[in-house]
Amino acid sequence: MLLCAFFMANAQEKQQITKTGWNFGGLPTITFDSDLGFQYGAMVNVYHYGDGSRFPKYNHSLYFEVSRFTKGSGINRFFYDSDKLIEGLQTSLDLSYLSDQAYDFFGFNGYDAVYQPDWIDQEASAYKTRMYYKYDRKLFWAKLDLQGKLAGNFRWTTGFNFQNFKVDEIDRDKFNKGKDENDKDYLKPIDGLYTIYKNLGIINNEEKDGGFVPTFKAGLVFDTRDNRPNPMKGVWTEAVIEVAPKILGAESYFTRATFIHRQYFTIVPKDLSLVYRLAYQTTLGGDVPFFYKSQVMTSFMTGALSEGLGGGKTVRGILRNRVIGDGFFYGNLEARWKFVHFQFIKNNFYLGLNGFMDFGRITKKVEIPSSIIAANPLLFKSDAEKFHTTYGAGLRIVMNENFVIAVDYGRAMDEQDGKSGMYIGLNYLF
């Protein structure tokens, strides 16, 4: 009752507190992701609002995070974003080291790769190993993006991204430490899907251990959003070409293109909006290494990773990386409602609810010889791919329009995509 009274008293229309100078949003990192487990650590987001004349738009944003997940992943990240560092340019810098002892891999081409949940279910008679759909991955990247104005609401965008991947089989000895062979969680020496793909030659010897991928991109952006963290109206559209040349030790060359359209509609002024995102990404030429096929191109990162399809940043509710190919289409439809506004500790807050439907499918498949498909019916199907669809809801806790704690729960509509996913992190999806 007291909590309800507090919200009712503060839900009345108030003039926002205008923030100036430096503002800190720091939290112990205690979150949850169905694919990664519980996250623990610390993060700090520091904003500089200058004299406050542009609030809630900031002059500088600095984000620091050091955290670990109980399923074996780790995030060490610094992210900087500003349109004041270089006057007239939007500058974003991302330096990250990401480790994942159990990175998800379900094969290529969506439903053409058969998912066998009993093989990872320790209670099922067909159980193989709970790590069947996993491999070990370590990733370092240095990413710099620049955007500048053209005519009207058009901007140019360019940037580079140097990434180094290290890939290996699951470290069985590490997972078995302290366990004997009769332990339920003991991992027996059974090959997982990553190893099987190597043995079949689908993953070739040059890329099986990872590699260095330098990429350069250029494109156009059309942006009429009224607010970057959670727009109530406007359009945000981008078309980008990405090229990975064979330089500095890179092992392969490829070119990819992406087109992303996002649109925002006000239903109730300030409080209720309907938003959607449609995206298409495809390989134009060359060979994208298997470990890079999961990377989803975007001009602005809302989290440490942009991968999929599947998981908390693309199609919520299906298994992470369930839908991987050389080209794909995906979309999100979302209703966002700010149901209460209040002020606390001299900051502006609101609570929001959202309902969503996500979807995606492969549009350009990774070529797998028909002889391999025919010889392995438990792993492959021909022409089974179709739309992967999910639905769900979420909660947002937002401070000063920019610092967003996000909770989303999505359910898959096909058992081949898993059952559901819960994601607790930062920021709106787009």
Protein backbone atom coordinates (compact mmCIF):
# COMPACT_ATOMS: atom_id res chain seq x y z
CA MET A 1 0.00 0.00 0.00
CA LEU A 2 2.78 2.44 0.87
CA LEU A 3 4.54 1.66 -2.42
CA CYS A 4 1.31 2.24 -4.36
CA ALA A 5 0.76 5.53 -2.55
CA PHE A 6 4.31 6.60 -3.37
CA PHE A 7 3.82 5.95 -7.08
CA MET A 8 0.38 7.58 -7.11
CA ALA A 9 1.75 10.69 -5.43
CA ASN A 10 4.64 10.93 -7.84
CA ALA A 11 2.74 10.00 -10.98
CA GLN A 12 1.35 13.50 -11.24
CA GLU A 13 2.81 15.62 -14.03
CA LYS A 14 5.98 17.28 -12.77
CA GLN A 15 8.51 19.41 -14.49
CA GLN A 16 11.61 17.33 -15.09
CA ILE A 17 14.75 18.09 -13.15
CA THR A 18 17.29 19.39 -15.65
CA LYS A 19 20.61 17.66 -15.17
CA THR A 20 23.88 19.52 -15.66
CA GLY A 21 27.52 18.54 -15.50
CA TRP A 22 28.46 14.96 -14.68
CA ASN A 23 25.86 12.35 -13.72
CA PHE A 24 26.64 8.79 -12.59
CA GLY A 25 24.62 5.65 -13.00
CA GLY A 26 26.45 2.82 -11.26
CA LEU A 27 25.21 -0.64 -10.31
CA PRO A 28 26.52 -3.96 -9.16
CA THR A 29 25.97 -6.11 -12.23
CA ILE A 30 23.47 -8.72 -11.07
CA THR A 31 21.44 -9.75 -14.09
CA PHE A 32 20.17 -12.89 -15.76
CA ASP A 33 20.12 -14.23 -19.30
CA SER A 34 18.69 -17.65 -20.09
CA ASP A 35 21.53 -18.30 -22.49
CA LEU A 36 24.35 -17.06 -20.25
CA GLY A 37 23.16 -17.56 -16.65
CA PHE A 38 23.38 -15.09 -13.78
CA GLN A 39 25.73 -12.15 -14.26
CA TYR A 40 27.73 -10.62 -11.45
CA GLY A 41 30.22 -7.77 -11.42
CA ALA A 42 30.01 -4.01 -11.69
CA MET A 43 29.18 -1.37 -14.28
CA VAL A 44 29.24 2.42 -14.32
CA ASN A 45 27.66 4.72 -16.90
CA VAL A 46 28.83 8.32 -16.65
CA TYR A 47 27.01 11.09 -18.52
CA HIS A 48 28.05 14.69 -19.04
CA TYR A 49 25.15 17.07 -19.76
CA GLY A 50 27.13 20.32 -19.96
CA ASP A 51 25.00 23.31 -18.98
CA GLY A 52 21.82 21.23 -19.32
CA SER A 53 20.47 23.14 -22.31
CA ARG A 54 20.24 19.92 -24.34
CA PHE A 55 18.97 17.62 -21.56
CA PRO A 56 18.13 14.73 -21.81
CA LYS A 57 20.66 14.65 -24.65
CA TYR A 58 24.17 14.23 -23.31
CA ASN A 59 27.51 15.65 -24.42
CA HIS A 60 29.54 12.59 -23.42
CA SER A 61 28.70 9.06 -22.28
CA LEU A 62 31.33 6.71 -20.80
CA TYR A 63 30.41 3.13 -19.96
CA PHE A 64 32.62 0.73 -17.98
CA GLU A 65 31.80 -2.91 -17.21
CA VAL A 66 33.62 -5.87 -15.68
CA SER A 67 31.35 -8.86 -15.15
CA ARG A 68 31.09 -12.63 -15.31
CA PHE A 69 28.26 -15.07 -16.03
CA THR A 70 27.69 -18.31 -14.16
CA LYS A 71 27.64 -20.29 -17.43
CA GLY A 72 31.21 -19.27 -18.18
CA SER A 73 31.10 -15.96 -20.04
CA GLY A 74 32.89 -12.75 -19.16
CA ILE A 75 32.61 -9.10 -20.24
CA ASN A 76 35.35 -6.49 -19.95
CA ARG A 77 34.17 -3.40 -21.79
CA PHE A 78 34.73 0.33 -22.26
CA PHE A 79 32.29 2.19 -24.49
CA TYR A 80 32.38 5.91 -25.27
CA ASP A 81 29.80 7.94 -27.23
CA SER A 82 29.75 11.68 -27.94
CA ASP A 83 28.85 14.31 -30.51
CA LYS A 84 31.09 16.87 -28.77
CA LEU A 85 34.50 15.19 -28.79
CA ILE A 86 34.90 16.27 -32.42
CA GLU A 87 32.43 19.04 -33.19
CA GLY A 88 30.03 17.98 -35.89
CA LEU A 89 30.80 14.25 -35.59
CA GLN A 90 29.11 11.49 -33.61
CA THR A 91 32.01 9.43 -32.23
CA SER A 92 31.66 5.96 -30.71
CA LEU A 93 34.56 3.88 -29.41
CA ASP A 94 34.21 0.32 -28.10
CA LEU A 95 37.07 -1.70 -26.55
CA SER A 96 36.02 -5.14 -25.31
CA TYR A 97 37.38 -8.50 -24.30
CA LEU A 98 34.67 -11.16 -24.17
CA SER A 99 35.24 -14.72 -23.04
CA ASP A 100 32.71 -17.52 -23.32
CA GLN A 101 33.50 -21.06 -22.14
CA ALA A 102 30.21 -22.37 -23.56
CA TYR A 103 29.34 -20.38 -26.67
CA ASP A 104 26.17 -21.55 -28.40
CA PHE A 105 26.39 -23.24 -31.81
CA PHE A 106 23.36 -24.94 -33.40
CA GLY A 107 24.61 -25.22 -36.96
CA PHE A 108 23.67 -23.24 -40.04
CA ASN A 109 20.52 -22.33 -41.93
CA GLY A 110 17.93 -22.28 -39.16
CA TYR A 111 15.46 -25.18 -39.23
CA ASP A 112 17.63 -26.95 -41.82
CA ALA A 113 19.88 -27.70 -38.82
CA VAL A 114 17.91 -30.08 -36.60
CA TYR A 115 17.88 -29.23 -32.88
CA GLN A 116 17.79 -32.33 -30.65
CA PRO A 117 16.86 -31.17 -27.11
CA ASP A 118 17.04 -34.74 -25.72
CA TRP A 119 20.75 -34.84 -26.51
CA ILE A 120 21.40 -32.17 -23.86
CA ASP A 121 18.67 -33.26 -21.39
CA GLN A 122 20.36 -35.21 -18.59
CA GLU A 123 17.07 -36.93 -17.77
CA ALA A 124 16.44 -38.15 -21.34
CA SER A 125 17.42 -41.64 -22.54
CA ALA A 126 19.03 -40.11 -25.66
CA TYR A 127 21.28 -37.80 -23.59
CA LYS A 128 24.77 -37.22 -25.02
CA THR A 129 26.30 -34.21 -23.24
CA ARG A 130 24.87 -30.95 -21.97
CA MET A 131 27.66 -29.21 -23.91
CA TYR A 132 26.73 -30.74 -27.28
CA TYR A 133 25.76 -27.36 -28.74
CA LYS A 134 28.69 -25.41 -27.25
CA TYR A 135 32.28 -24.44 -27.99
CA ASP A 136 34.86 -22.21 -26.32
CA ARG A 137 35.26 -18.69 -27.72
CA LYS A 138 37.38 -15.70 -26.75
CA LEU A 139 36.94 -12.39 -28.58
CA PHE A 140 38.80 -9.08 -28.46
CA TRP A 141 37.67 -6.10 -30.46
CA ALA A 142 38.49 -2.45 -31.03
CA LYS A 143 35.70 -0.59 -32.78
CA LEU A 144 35.51 3.05 -33.87
CA ASP A 145 32.43 4.54 -35.56
CA LEU A 146 31.99 8.06 -36.90
CA GLN A 147 28.89 9.81 -38.19
CA GLY A 148 28.62 13.26 -39.76
CA LYS A 149 25.85 15.39 -41.19
CA LEU A 150 24.85 15.57 -44.82
CA ALA A 151 21.72 17.36 -46.04
CA GLY A 152 18.72 17.57 -43.74
CA ASN A 153 18.34 14.48 -41.55
CA PHE A 154 20.79 12.42 -43.59
CA ARG A 155 24.16 11.46 -42.13
CA TRP A 156 27.14 9.54 -43.42
CA THR A 157 28.63 6.79 -41.30
CA THR A 158 31.98 5.06 -41.43
CA GLY A 159 34.17 3.05 -39.12
CA PHE A 160 36.50 0.15 -38.56
CA ASN A 161 36.32 -2.91 -36.34
CA PHE A 162 39.36 -5.07 -35.54
CA GLN A 163 38.32 -8.41 -34.04
CA ASN A 164 40.39 -11.38 -32.97
CA PHE A 165 38.60 -14.69 -32.34
CA LYS A 166 40.03 -17.72 -30.56
CA VAL A 167 37.88 -20.83 -30.93
CA ASP A 168 38.31 -24.30 -29.45
CA GLU A 169 36.39 -27.28 -28.19
CA ILE A 170 34.90 -27.18 -24.71
CA ASP A 171 37.53 -27.47 -21.98
CA ARG A 172 36.17 -30.74 -20.62
CA ASP A 173 38.85 -31.02 -17.92
CA LYS A 174 37.89 -27.64 -16.51
CA PHE A 175 34.18 -28.50 -16.37
CA ASN A 176 34.97 -31.91 -14.83
CA LYS A 177 37.26 -30.54 -12.12
CA GLY A 178 36.20 -31.93 -8.74
CA LYS A 179 33.78 -34.47 -10.26
CA ASP A 180 34.12 -38.21 -10.72
CA GLU A 181 32.78 -40.27 -13.62
CA ASN A 182 29.63 -41.20 -11.70
CA ASP A 183 28.71 -37.55 -11.14
CA LYS A 184 25.58 -36.47 -13.00
CA ASP A 185 27.35 -33.38 -14.37
CA TYR A 186 30.49 -35.21 -15.47
CA LEU A 187 31.17 -34.56 -19.17
CA LYS A 188 32.01 -37.72 -21.06
CA PRO A 189 34.34 -37.58 -24.09
CA ILE A 190 31.54 -37.18 -26.64
CA ASP A 191 31.96 -34.95 -29.70
CA GLY A 192 29.76 -31.86 -29.84
CA LEU A 193 28.29 -30.27 -32.96
CA TYR A 194 31.29 -27.97 -33.48
CA THR A 195 33.65 -30.97 -33.60
CA ILE A 196 31.28 -32.89 -35.88
CA TYR A 197 31.11 -29.93 -38.30
CA LYS A 198 34.92 -29.87 -38.37
CA ASN A 199 35.09 -33.61 -39.05
CA LEU A 200 32.55 -33.29 -41.87
CA GLY A 201 34.51 -30.43 -43.43
CA ILE A 202 31.68 -27.90 -43.06
CA ILE A 203 34.05 -25.89 -40.86
CA ASN A 204 37.40 -25.86 -42.68
CA ASN A 205 40.87 -26.13 -41.19
CA GLU A 206 41.77 -22.47 -41.81
CA GLU A 207 38.96 -21.12 -39.65
CA LYS A 208 38.36 -23.90 -37.12
CA ASP A 209 40.57 -22.22 -34.47
CA GLY A 210 39.32 -18.68 -35.06
CA GLY A 211 41.22 -15.83 -36.64
CA PHE A 212 41.67 -12.10 -37.13
CA VAL A 213 38.89 -10.15 -38.86
CA PRO A 214 39.45 -6.48 -39.76
CA THR A 215 36.34 -4.80 -41.20
CA PHE A 216 35.72 -1.36 -42.64
CA LYS A 217 32.28 0.04 -43.26
CA ALA A 218 30.57 2.99 -44.90
CA GLY A 219 26.94 3.94 -45.31
CA LEU A 220 24.07 6.36 -45.02
CA VAL A 221 21.80 7.05 -42.06
CA PHE A 222 18.45 8.86 -42.03
CA ASP A 223 17.46 9.87 -38.50
CA THR A 224 14.49 11.96 -37.29
CA ARG A 225 14.20 10.50 -33.75
CA ASP A 226 13.13 12.87 -31.00
CA ASN A 227 15.04 10.88 -28.35
CA ARG A 228 17.80 8.31 -28.78
CA PRO A 229 17.22 5.92 -25.81
CA ASN A 230 13.44 5.59 -26.31
CA PRO A 231 12.03 7.65 -29.19
CA MET A 232 8.34 8.58 -29.22
CA LYS A 233 8.33 9.54 -32.88
CA GLY A 234 10.56 9.56 -35.92
CA VAL A 235 12.49 7.22 -38.19
CA TRP A 236 15.98 5.72 -37.90
CA THR A 237 17.13 4.00 -41.09
CA GLU A 238 20.58 2.92 -42.21
CA ALA A 239 22.19 1.19 -45.16
CA VAL A 240 25.78 0.02 -44.66
CA ILE A 241 28.40 -1.90 -46.62
CA GLU A 242 31.06 -3.82 -44.66
CA VAL A 243 34.31 -5.02 -46.23
CA ALA A 244 36.85 -7.39 -44.65
CA PRO A 245 40.11 -7.25 -46.65
CA LYS A 246 43.03 -9.63 -46.39
CA ILE A 247 45.37 -7.35 -44.43
CA LEU A 248 47.32 -7.53 -41.17
CA GLY A 249 47.14 -11.31 -41.12
CA ALA A 250 43.44 -11.72 -41.90
CA GLU A 251 42.69 -15.13 -43.39
CA SER A 252 39.67 -14.35 -45.56
CA TYR A 253 38.01 -11.63 -47.62
CA PHE A 254 34.28 -10.90 -47.72
CA THR A 255 31.75 -8.13 -48.26
CA ARG A 256 28.41 -7.83 -46.47
CA ALA A 257 25.55 -5.35 -46.61
CA THR A 258 22.81 -4.48 -44.14
CA PHE A 259 19.65 -2.40 -44.25
CA ILE A 260 17.83 -1.55 -41.01
CA HIS A 261 14.65 0.49 -40.74
CA ARG A 262 13.21 1.53 -37.37
CA GLN A 263 10.09 3.65 -36.92
CA TYR A 264 8.39 5.11 -33.86
CA PHE A 265 4.74 6.21 -33.49
CA THR A 266 3.20 8.16 -30.61
CA ILE A 267 -0.13 6.69 -29.46
CA VAL A 268 -0.46 8.67 -26.21
CA PRO A 269 1.81 11.75 -25.96
CA LYS A 270 4.87 11.13 -23.73
CA ASP A 271 3.63 7.75 -22.47
CA LEU A 272 2.60 5.20 -25.13
CA SER A 273 4.33 4.38 -28.40
CA LEU A 274 4.28 1.69 -31.06
CA VAL A 275 7.66 0.90 -32.61
CA TYR A 276 9.08 -1.58 -35.08
CA ARG A 277 12.38 -2.64 -36.61
CA LEU A 278 12.97 -4.46 -39.90
CA ALA A 279 16.46 -5.58 -40.87
CA TYR A 280 18.08 -7.43 -43.75
CA GLN A 281 21.71 -8.54 -43.83
CA THR A 282 23.44 -10.52 -46.57
CA THR A 283 26.84 -11.60 -47.87
CA LEU A 284 27.66 -10.00 -51.22
CA GLY A 285 30.91 -11.81 -51.92
CA GLY A 286 33.78 -13.78 -50.45
CA ASP A 287 33.66 -16.28 -47.59
CA VAL A 288 32.56 -15.21 -44.12
CA PRO A 289 34.36 -17.37 -41.50
CA PHE A 290 31.99 -19.58 -39.53
CA PHE A 291 32.82 -17.79 -36.27
CA TYR A 292 31.88 -14.41 -37.79
CA LYS A 293 28.56 -15.46 -39.36
CA SER A 294 26.74 -14.80 -36.08
CA GLN A 295 27.76 -11.11 -36.01
CA VAL A 296 24.80 -8.79 -36.66
CA MET A 297 25.79 -5.44 -38.16
CA THR A 298 24.48 -2.23 -36.57
CA SER A 299 25.67 1.37 -36.41
CA PHE A 300 25.17 1.67 -32.65
CA MET A 301 25.58 -1.07 -30.04
CA THR A 302 22.99 -1.17 -27.24
CA GLY A 303 24.92 -3.89 -25.41
CA ALA A 304 28.24 -5.72 -25.33
CA LEU A 305 27.20 -8.00 -28.19
CA SER A 306 25.14 -7.89 -31.35
CA GLU A 307 24.80 -11.53 -32.36
CA GLY A 308 22.20 -14.02 -33.45
CA LEU A 309 19.68 -14.46 -34.71
CA GLY A 310 18.32 -15.58 -31.37
CA GLY A 311 18.84 -14.19 -27.89
CA GLY A 312 18.28 -10.93 -26.10
CA LYS A 313 19.28 -8.49 -28.89
CA THR A 314 17.59 -9.90 -32.00
CA VAL A 315 14.81 -12.50 -31.69
CA ARG A 316 13.99 -12.78 -27.99
CA GLY A 317 12.81 -16.16 -26.75
CA ILE A 318 14.66 -18.48 -29.14
CA LEU A 319 18.03 -20.06 -28.44
CA ARG A 320 21.04 -17.78 -28.82
CA ASN A 321 22.57 -18.13 -32.31
CA ARG A 322 19.82 -20.55 -33.37
CA VAL A 323 19.47 -18.87 -36.79
CA ILE A 324 22.82 -18.39 -38.57
CA GLY A 325 23.48 -18.14 -42.29
CA ASP A 326 25.07 -15.99 -44.98
CA GLY A 327 21.97 -13.80 -45.17
CA PHE A 328 18.94 -13.23 -42.96
CA PHE A 329 15.92 -11.05 -42.30
CA TYR A 330 14.52 -10.21 -38.87
CA GLY A 331 12.05 -7.85 -37.26
CA ASN A 332 10.58 -6.66 -33.97
CA LEU A 333 7.18 -5.12 -33.20
CA GLU A 334 6.85 -3.54 -29.78
CA ALA A 335 4.35 -1.45 -27.77
CA ARG A 336 6.01 0.69 -25.05
CA TRP A 337 4.08 2.23 -22.15
CA LYS A 338 5.56 4.55 -19.52
CA PHE A 339 3.02 3.86 -16.79
CA VAL A 340 4.46 5.95 -13.95
CA HIS A 341 6.82 8.95 -13.67
CA PHE A 342 8.46 10.09 -10.44
CA GLN A 343 11.45 11.88 -8.98
CA PHE A 344 13.83 10.25 -6.52
CA ILE A 345 17.23 11.28 -5.10
CA LYS A 346 17.11 14.39 -7.30
CA ASN A 347 16.76 12.40 -10.53
CA ASN A 348 13.94 11.77 -12.99
CA PHE A 349 12.60 8.22 -13.20
CA TYR A 350 9.90 6.35 -15.05
CA LEU A 351 8.73 2.76 -15.14
CA GLY A 352 7.74 1.21 -18.44
CA LEU A 353 6.09 -1.94 -19.75
CA ASN A 354 6.41 -3.35 -23.24
CA GLY A 355 4.81 -6.17 -25.20
CA PHE A 356 6.55 -7.51 -28.29
CA MET A 357 6.61 -9.96 -31.17
CA ASP A 358 9.93 -10.87 -32.83
CA PHE A 359 10.63 -12.88 -35.97
CA GLY A 360 13.42 -13.82 -38.37
CA ARG A 361 14.61 -16.32 -40.98
CA ILE A 362 17.54 -17.23 -43.20
CA THR A 363 17.49 -15.68 -46.67
CA LYS A 364 20.88 -16.92 -47.93
CA LYS A 365 22.02 -20.33 -46.78
CA VAL A 366 25.49 -21.64 -46.04
CA GLU A 367 26.25 -24.23 -48.71
CA ILE A 368 26.39 -27.76 -47.32
CA PRO A 369 26.91 -30.67 -49.74
CA SER A 370 23.73 -32.68 -50.34
CA SER A 371 25.66 -35.90 -49.70
CA ILE A 372 26.42 -34.76 -46.13
CA ILE A 373 22.78 -33.80 -45.56
CA ALA A 374 21.52 -37.15 -46.84
CA ALA A 375 24.01 -39.13 -44.75
CA ASN A 376 23.14 -37.34 -41.47
CA PRO A 377 19.33 -37.13 -41.11
CA LEU A 378 19.56 -36.52 -37.36
CA LEU A 379 21.57 -33.35 -38.00
CA PHE A 380 20.10 -31.93 -41.21
CA LYS A 381 16.87 -31.41 -43.11
CA SER A 382 16.44 -30.04 -46.61
CA ASP A 383 14.33 -26.92 -47.19
CA ALA A 384 12.94 -26.87 -43.65
CA GLU A 385 13.73 -23.23 -42.97
CA LYS A 386 10.83 -20.84 -42.34
CA PHE A 387 10.10 -17.88 -40.05
CA HIS A 388 11.13 -18.21 -36.40
CA THR A 389 8.58 -16.30 -34.29
CA THR A 390 8.40 -15.31 -30.63
CA TYR A 391 6.26 -13.16 -28.35
CA GLY A 392 6.74 -11.70 -24.89
CA ALA A 393 6.75 -8.77 -22.50
CA GLY A 394 9.20 -6.63 -20.59
CA LEU A 395 9.79 -4.05 -17.85
CA ARG A 396 11.94 -0.91 -17.96
CA ILE A 397 13.32 1.17 -15.07
CA VAL A 398 14.71 4.41 -16.49
CA MET A 399 16.69 7.26 -14.88
CA ASN A 400 17.04 10.62 -16.62
CA GLU A 401 15.81 9.16 -19.93
CA ASN A 402 19.24 7.58 -20.67
CA PHE A 403 20.06 4.98 -18.00
CA VAL A 404 17.74 2.04 -18.77
CA ILE A 405 17.48 -1.21 -16.81
CA ALA A 406 15.68 -3.71 -19.04
CA VAL A 407 13.90 -7.00 -18.32
CA ASP A 408 12.44 -9.05 -21.19
CA TYR A 409 10.80 -12.48 -21.32
CA GLY A 410 10.12 -14.13 -24.67
CA ARG A 411 8.56 -17.44 -25.69
CA ALA A 412 9.35 -19.40 -28.84
CA MET A 413 6.45 -20.61 -30.98
CA ASP A 414 8.29 -23.70 -32.27
CA GLU A 415 10.03 -26.32 -30.09
CA GLN A 416 12.90 -26.43 -32.60
CA ASP A 417 13.82 -22.96 -31.29
CA GLY A 418 13.80 -23.94 -27.62
CA LYS A 419 11.16 -22.87 -25.13
CA SER A 420 11.73 -19.37 -23.78
CA GLY A 421 14.29 -16.78 -22.75
CA MET A 422 14.64 -14.32 -19.87
CA TYR A 423 16.98 -11.34 -20.32
CA ILE A 424 17.96 -8.73 -17.72
CA GLY A 425 20.32 -6.04 -18.93
CA LEU A 426 20.48 -2.45 -20.14
CA ASN A 427 18.73 -0.33 -22.77
CA TYR A 428 15.79 -0.64 -25.09
CA LEU A 429 16.28 -3.04 -27.96
CA PHE A 430 16.36 -0.21 -30.55
